[in-house]
Amino acid sequence: MVATTVALLLPAPSLAAPSAAAPSAMAATAGVPSTTDYPWAGLTYRDGADQWGMAYGQCVSFVAWMIYKNLGGAQHPAGIPSRGWFPSDGLAKGPVRNWWGNAGSWNITAASAGYTVDRTPRAGSVAQWINGGNGGSFAVGHVAYVTAVHGDGSIDIAQYNLREDGRYSTMHMTRGGATDTSNGNGPFFVAWPDYFLHIGDANVAKPQAPRLSGSPALVYGDEQHVFGRDVAGRLHHWFWSPGGGGVKEQDWGGGLAGDPVGFVYGDEQHVFGRDVAGRLHHWFWSPAGGGVKQQDWGGALAAR
């Protein structure tokens, strides 16, 4: 989640946020590596596999990359995607191998390799659903990376291929589960993970308020608004108005790799940002628009 203390006093009309507001409790996120620099973003299993033996664009390849970073890996390719690239220390610092198999068996393989497997999430740990998990919808299981654990017990996760589309997404989950609508997909319920795998997570997370990257501010009538990207790439919105009862915050979701920019156009509010694959995303709101809407404008933008 993102800290709610803002130097500018700002808030807005009663915008309908596209996802539930982040919990108010402090999250454990300090030191968690970025989840938006996966070297093979935009590639699929048809394009090959990393040297850990995990197919590009799959949940297991993404989590293997995050584990590599948990354990001190810091190499990155010159550009993304980078088919055929692999860190020279990837096999030394990344324990995942082809024999780890499908995500649904990682609880067994991780335990056999000496790692702790339990039901307690920590920032930097691996969330895992077993074979046939999530009520049978995860036939070969699923894994995701825990980016935050909140004071109320809820978690934030980042992942690839949740919807079998090879794409990145993030999710805020309570123990009752969560409903995913990422990347324009229809609602899909995801239950709380079966296990948490602790592979280097002790190296990366201690409690602290999350940081923001970029906070464009705008004035809308007598209201003040600020937008910013959190460490998991989600777009957050703070707003204030004279009769609004104080500063309010909304989590607008998304998976941004670049800092957002916003502006007012007539009576509309617009925010743009770049995702990890370089695609341009657009959020907009108008008084008669029925709430916040998001569009994927496509493209292949380069990082500045």
Protein backbone atom coordinates (compact mmCIF):
# COMPACT_ATOMS: atom_id res chain seq x y z
CA MET A 1 0.00 0.00 0.00
CA VAL A 2 1.01 3.63 -0.16
CA ALA A 3 1.36 6.08 2.70
CA THR A 4 -1.58 8.47 2.99
CA THR A 5 0.37 11.50 4.25
CA VAL A 6 0.51 14.03 1.40
CA ALA A 7 2.06 17.47 1.58
CA LEU A 8 -0.51 18.90 -0.79
CA LEU A 9 -4.04 18.93 0.52
CA LEU A 10 -6.07 17.57 -2.26
CA PRO A 11 -9.39 15.30 -3.03
CA ALA A 12 -12.11 15.09 -5.69
CA PRO A 13 -15.53 14.09 -6.85
CA SER A 14 -16.77 10.73 -5.66
CA LEU A 15 -14.77 8.75 -8.22
CA ALA A 16 -15.51 5.06 -8.40
CA ALA A 17 -12.13 3.36 -8.08
CA PRO A 18 -11.75 0.22 -10.19
CA SER A 19 -10.38 -1.82 -7.31
CA ALA A 20 -10.66 -1.91 -3.55
CA ALA A 21 -8.78 0.74 -1.61
CA ALA A 22 -5.49 -0.38 -0.15
CA PRO A 23 -5.60 -1.17 3.57
CA SER A 24 -4.62 1.59 5.93
CA ALA A 25 -2.14 -0.52 7.87
CA MET A 26 1.59 -0.20 7.18
CA ALA A 27 2.93 -2.75 4.69
CA ALA A 28 6.17 -4.70 4.68
CA THR A 29 7.69 -3.59 1.39
CA ALA A 30 11.09 -2.04 2.05
CA GLY A 31 13.79 -3.52 -0.17
CA VAL A 32 11.45 -5.68 -2.25
CA PRO A 33 12.92 -5.76 -5.78
CA SER A 34 11.04 -4.19 -8.66
CA THR A 35 8.59 -6.55 -10.32
CA THR A 36 8.41 -4.55 -13.54
CA ASP A 37 11.81 -5.41 -15.06
CA TYR A 38 11.19 -9.03 -16.10
CA PRO A 39 13.65 -9.47 -19.00
CA TRP A 40 11.31 -11.54 -21.16
CA ALA A 41 8.12 -9.47 -20.85
CA GLY A 42 6.04 -9.77 -24.00
CA LEU A 43 7.50 -13.16 -24.98
CA THR A 44 5.61 -16.45 -24.67
CA TYR A 45 6.48 -20.12 -24.34
CA ARG A 46 6.59 -20.23 -28.14
CA ASP A 47 9.67 -17.99 -27.99
CA GLY A 48 11.69 -20.31 -25.78
CA ALA A 49 12.75 -20.55 -22.15
CA ASP A 50 15.20 -19.06 -19.68
CA GLN A 51 18.21 -21.08 -18.54
CA TRP A 52 16.38 -22.07 -15.36
CA GLY A 53 14.28 -24.17 -17.73
CA MET A 54 11.11 -22.11 -17.37
CA ALA A 55 9.21 -21.00 -20.47
CA TYR A 56 9.07 -17.28 -21.21
CA GLY A 57 5.97 -15.44 -20.04
CA GLN A 58 4.95 -18.14 -17.58
CA CYS A 59 4.42 -17.60 -13.88
CA VAL A 60 7.35 -19.89 -13.04
CA SER A 61 9.82 -17.94 -15.20
CA PHE A 62 8.80 -14.62 -13.63
CA VAL A 63 9.06 -15.98 -10.09
CA ALA A 64 12.41 -17.63 -10.86
CA TRP A 65 13.60 -14.15 -11.92
CA MET A 66 12.32 -12.60 -8.68
CA ILE A 67 14.02 -15.33 -6.62
CA TYR A 68 17.27 -14.59 -8.45
CA LYS A 69 16.92 -10.95 -7.37
CA ASN A 70 16.01 -11.96 -3.80
CA LEU A 71 19.32 -13.81 -3.62
CA GLY A 72 21.39 -10.87 -4.79
CA GLY A 73 21.14 -11.09 -8.57
CA ALA A 74 21.41 -7.63 -10.12
CA GLN A 75 22.12 -8.11 -13.81
CA HIS A 76 19.71 -6.73 -16.42
CA PRO A 77 19.61 -6.81 -20.21
CA ALA A 78 20.07 -3.67 -22.29
CA GLY A 79 16.44 -3.80 -23.39
CA ILE A 80 13.17 -5.65 -22.75
CA PRO A 81 12.22 -8.14 -24.05
CA SER A 82 15.58 -9.80 -24.50
CA ARG A 83 15.10 -13.23 -26.03
CA GLY A 84 18.11 -15.46 -25.40
CA TRP A 85 19.63 -13.19 -22.73
CA PHE A 86 20.37 -14.69 -19.32
CA PRO A 87 22.35 -13.29 -16.37
CA SER A 88 25.84 -14.73 -16.21
CA ASP A 89 25.31 -15.45 -12.50
CA GLY A 90 21.76 -16.70 -12.98
CA LEU A 91 22.48 -20.36 -12.31
CA ALA A 92 24.75 -19.55 -9.38
CA LYS A 93 22.24 -17.28 -7.62
CA GLY A 94 18.96 -18.74 -8.86
CA PRO A 95 18.12 -22.20 -7.46
CA VAL A 96 15.18 -22.95 -9.79
CA ARG A 97 15.83 -25.69 -12.35
CA ASN A 98 13.80 -27.51 -14.95
CA TRP A 99 13.19 -30.39 -12.55
CA TRP A 100 11.20 -28.06 -10.28
CA GLY A 101 8.43 -28.70 -12.79
CA ASN A 102 5.04 -27.05 -12.87
CA ALA A 103 4.12 -24.38 -10.33
CA GLY A 104 1.80 -26.82 -8.55
CA SER A 105 4.70 -28.93 -7.32
CA TRP A 106 7.00 -26.12 -6.16
CA ASN A 107 6.01 -26.57 -2.52
CA ILE A 108 7.50 -30.06 -2.68
CA THR A 109 10.61 -29.20 -4.70
CA ALA A 110 11.38 -26.10 -2.63
CA ALA A 111 11.08 -28.06 0.61
CA SER A 112 13.30 -30.84 -0.77
CA ALA A 113 15.90 -28.17 -1.65
CA GLY A 114 15.93 -27.05 1.99
CA TYR A 115 13.71 -23.95 1.81
CA THR A 116 10.96 -23.19 4.32
CA VAL A 117 7.44 -23.82 3.04
CA ASP A 118 4.56 -22.76 5.26
CA ARG A 119 1.29 -20.86 5.27
CA THR A 120 2.70 -17.51 6.44
CA PRO A 121 3.26 -14.78 3.83
CA ARG A 122 6.24 -12.46 3.90
CA ALA A 123 7.15 -9.73 1.48
CA GLY A 124 9.52 -11.34 -1.01
CA SER A 125 8.10 -14.83 -0.54
CA VAL A 126 6.51 -16.94 -3.26
CA ALA A 127 2.74 -17.46 -3.13
CA GLN A 128 1.86 -20.91 -4.45
CA TRP A 129 -1.28 -22.75 -5.48
CA ILE A 130 -0.93 -26.52 -5.81
CA ASN A 131 -1.95 -28.72 -8.74
CA GLY A 132 -5.72 -28.45 -9.02
CA GLY A 133 -5.71 -25.44 -6.70
CA ASN A 134 -8.17 -22.55 -6.75
CA GLY A 135 -11.12 -24.90 -6.94
CA GLY A 136 -9.59 -26.83 -9.82
CA SER A 137 -8.99 -23.88 -12.13
CA PHE A 138 -5.20 -24.08 -11.63
CA ALA A 139 -4.68 -27.52 -13.14
CA VAL A 140 -0.87 -27.28 -12.95
CA GLY A 141 -0.80 -24.78 -10.08
CA HIS A 142 0.34 -21.18 -10.06
CA VAL A 143 3.02 -19.07 -8.38
CA ALA A 144 3.24 -15.33 -7.72
CA TYR A 145 5.60 -12.97 -5.89
CA VAL A 146 4.46 -11.31 -2.65
CA THR A 147 5.28 -7.60 -2.81
CA ALA A 148 3.68 -6.56 0.50
CA VAL A 149 2.09 -7.97 3.63
CA HIS A 150 -0.27 -5.54 5.37
CA GLY A 151 -1.12 -5.17 9.03
CA ASP A 152 -4.60 -6.64 8.48
CA GLY A 153 -3.07 -9.85 7.04
CA SER A 154 -3.86 -9.05 3.42
CA ILE A 155 -1.16 -9.24 0.76
CA ASP A 156 -0.18 -7.71 -2.57
CA ILE A 157 1.17 -10.01 -5.27
CA ALA A 158 2.70 -9.64 -8.72
CA GLN A 159 2.59 -12.36 -11.33
CA TYR A 160 2.65 -13.40 -14.96
CA ASN A 161 0.18 -15.55 -16.88
CA LEU A 162 -2.57 -15.65 -14.26
CA ARG A 163 -5.11 -15.60 -17.08
CA GLU A 164 -3.01 -17.80 -19.39
CA ASP A 165 -2.21 -14.78 -21.54
CA GLY A 166 1.49 -14.40 -20.73
CA ARG A 167 0.88 -10.94 -19.24
CA TYR A 168 1.88 -9.18 -16.03
CA SER A 169 -0.69 -8.32 -13.38
CA THR A 170 -0.91 -7.36 -9.72
CA MET A 171 -3.54 -8.11 -7.10
CA HIS A 172 -4.47 -7.18 -3.55
CA MET A 173 -5.76 -10.23 -1.66
CA THR A 174 -7.44 -10.86 1.67
CA ARG A 175 -7.70 -14.33 3.17
CA GLY A 176 -11.11 -14.52 1.54
CA GLY A 177 -9.45 -14.26 -1.88
CA ALA A 178 -9.75 -11.62 -4.57
CA THR A 179 -11.31 -11.08 -7.98
CA ASP A 180 -8.97 -10.33 -10.86
CA THR A 181 -10.00 -8.13 -13.80
CA SER A 182 -6.49 -7.32 -15.05
CA ASN A 183 -5.58 -6.49 -18.64
CA GLY A 184 -9.21 -6.14 -19.74
CA ASN A 185 -10.19 -9.67 -18.67
CA GLY A 186 -13.54 -10.51 -17.14
CA PRO A 187 -13.87 -11.26 -13.41
CA PHE A 188 -11.94 -14.29 -12.18
CA PHE A 189 -11.89 -15.31 -8.52
CA VAL A 190 -8.56 -16.29 -6.98
CA ALA A 191 -8.50 -18.00 -3.59
CA TRP A 192 -5.86 -17.39 -0.93
CA PRO A 193 -2.61 -19.25 -1.77
CA ASP A 194 -2.10 -22.79 -0.52
CA TYR A 195 1.51 -22.21 0.55
CA PHE A 196 4.23 -19.60 0.83
CA LEU A 197 7.79 -20.49 -0.17
CA HIS A 198 10.58 -18.59 1.57
CA ILE A 199 13.51 -18.35 -0.81
CA GLY A 200 15.63 -15.33 0.02
CA ASP A 201 12.73 -13.26 1.30
CA ALA A 202 14.57 -12.62 4.58
CA ASN A 203 17.03 -10.54 2.54
CA VAL A 204 14.56 -8.09 1.10
CA ALA A 205 11.76 -6.91 3.38
CA LYS A 206 11.35 -4.92 6.59
CA PRO A 207 8.31 -2.89 7.64
CA GLN A 208 8.17 0.63 6.28
CA ALA A 209 5.74 2.82 4.40
CA PRO A 210 5.95 2.23 0.64
CA ARG A 211 7.62 4.71 -1.65
CA LEU A 212 6.13 6.54 -4.58
CA SER A 213 7.73 7.26 -7.91
CA GLY A 214 6.46 10.45 -9.52
CA SER A 215 3.46 12.36 -8.21
CA PRO A 216 1.87 14.59 -10.86
CA ALA A 217 -0.58 17.05 -9.32
CA LEU A 218 -3.51 18.86 -10.91
CA VAL A 219 -6.27 21.26 -9.89
CA TYR A 220 -9.86 20.39 -10.84
CA GLY A 221 -12.33 23.17 -9.93
CA ASP A 222 -11.86 23.66 -6.18
CA GLU A 223 -10.31 20.19 -5.80
CA GLN A 224 -6.69 19.10 -5.69
CA HIS A 225 -5.41 15.75 -7.04
CA VAL A 226 -2.12 13.85 -6.92
CA PHE A 227 -1.22 10.64 -8.78
CA GLY A 228 1.74 8.33 -8.13
CA ARG A 229 3.09 4.86 -8.90
CA ASP A 230 3.88 2.52 -5.99
CA VAL A 231 6.73 -0.01 -5.86
CA ALA A 232 4.46 -2.72 -7.31
CA GLY A 233 3.58 -0.49 -10.29
CA ARG A 234 0.01 0.30 -9.22
CA LEU A 235 -1.44 3.77 -9.86
CA HIS A 236 -2.64 5.59 -6.72
CA HIS A 237 -4.78 8.72 -6.49
CA TRP A 238 -5.10 11.20 -3.60
CA PHE A 239 -7.72 13.94 -3.69
CA TRP A 240 -9.11 16.75 -1.53
CA SER A 241 -11.98 19.25 -1.77
CA PRO A 242 -13.19 21.88 0.73
CA GLY A 243 -16.25 19.84 1.75
CA GLY A 244 -14.77 16.38 1.24
CA GLY A 245 -13.83 15.56 4.82
CA GLY A 246 -10.08 15.34 4.37
CA VAL A 247 -7.60 13.67 2.04
CA LYS A 248 -8.80 10.44 0.42
CA GLU A 249 -6.86 7.77 -1.44
CA GLN A 250 -7.78 5.31 -4.20
CA ASP A 251 -5.90 2.41 -5.78
CA TRP A 252 -6.51 2.58 -9.53
CA GLY A 253 -4.59 -0.62 -10.26
CA GLY A 254 -2.44 -1.27 -13.30
CA GLY A 255 1.13 -2.48 -13.76
CA LEU A 256 3.15 0.63 -14.55
CA ALA A 257 6.89 0.70 -15.18
CA GLY A 258 7.03 4.43 -15.92
CA ASP A 259 5.90 7.41 -13.85
CA PRO A 260 2.34 8.60 -14.60
CA VAL A 261 1.41 12.01 -15.98
CA GLY A 262 -2.00 13.67 -15.56
CA PHE A 263 -3.95 16.68 -16.80
CA VAL A 264 -7.44 18.21 -16.92
CA TYR A 265 -9.29 18.43 -20.25
CA GLY A 266 -12.56 20.37 -19.91
CA ASP A 267 -14.39 18.64 -17.06
CA GLU A 268 -12.42 15.41 -17.50
CA GLN A 269 -9.35 14.07 -15.72
CA HIS A 270 -6.76 12.00 -17.61
CA VAL A 271 -3.70 10.02 -16.51
CA PHE A 272 -1.22 8.20 -18.75
CA GLY A 273 1.54 5.69 -17.90
CA ARG A 274 3.82 3.11 -19.51
CA ASP A 275 3.69 -0.58 -18.51
CA VAL A 276 6.61 -3.05 -18.31
CA ALA A 277 6.10 -4.09 -21.94
CA GLY A 278 6.21 -0.46 -23.10
CA ARG A 279 2.47 -0.19 -23.75
CA LEU A 280 0.72 3.12 -23.06
CA HIS A 281 -2.20 2.99 -20.61
CA HIS A 282 -4.86 5.66 -20.12
CA TRP A 283 -7.13 6.29 -17.12
CA PHE A 284 -9.90 8.87 -17.40
CA TRP A 285 -12.87 10.23 -15.45
CA SER A 286 -15.69 12.63 -16.26
CA PRO A 287 -18.74 13.64 -14.18
CA ALA A 288 -21.14 11.70 -16.42
CA GLY A 289 -18.77 8.85 -17.25
CA GLY A 290 -19.85 6.33 -14.61
CA GLY A 291 -16.53 6.13 -12.77
CA VAL A 292 -12.87 5.68 -13.64
CA LYS A 293 -12.13 3.86 -16.90
CA GLN A 294 -8.88 2.41 -18.20
CA GLN A 295 -7.68 1.81 -21.76
CA ASP A 296 -4.65 0.05 -23.22
CA TRP A 297 -3.43 2.28 -26.07
CA GLY A 298 -0.69 -0.13 -27.11
CA GLY A 299 2.64 0.91 -28.57
CA ALA A 300 6.23 0.12 -27.65
CA LEU A 301 7.51 3.00 -25.54
CA ALA A 302 11.09 3.09 -24.35
CA ALA A 303 12.06 3.97 -20.79
CA ARG A 304 13.52 7.43 -20.33
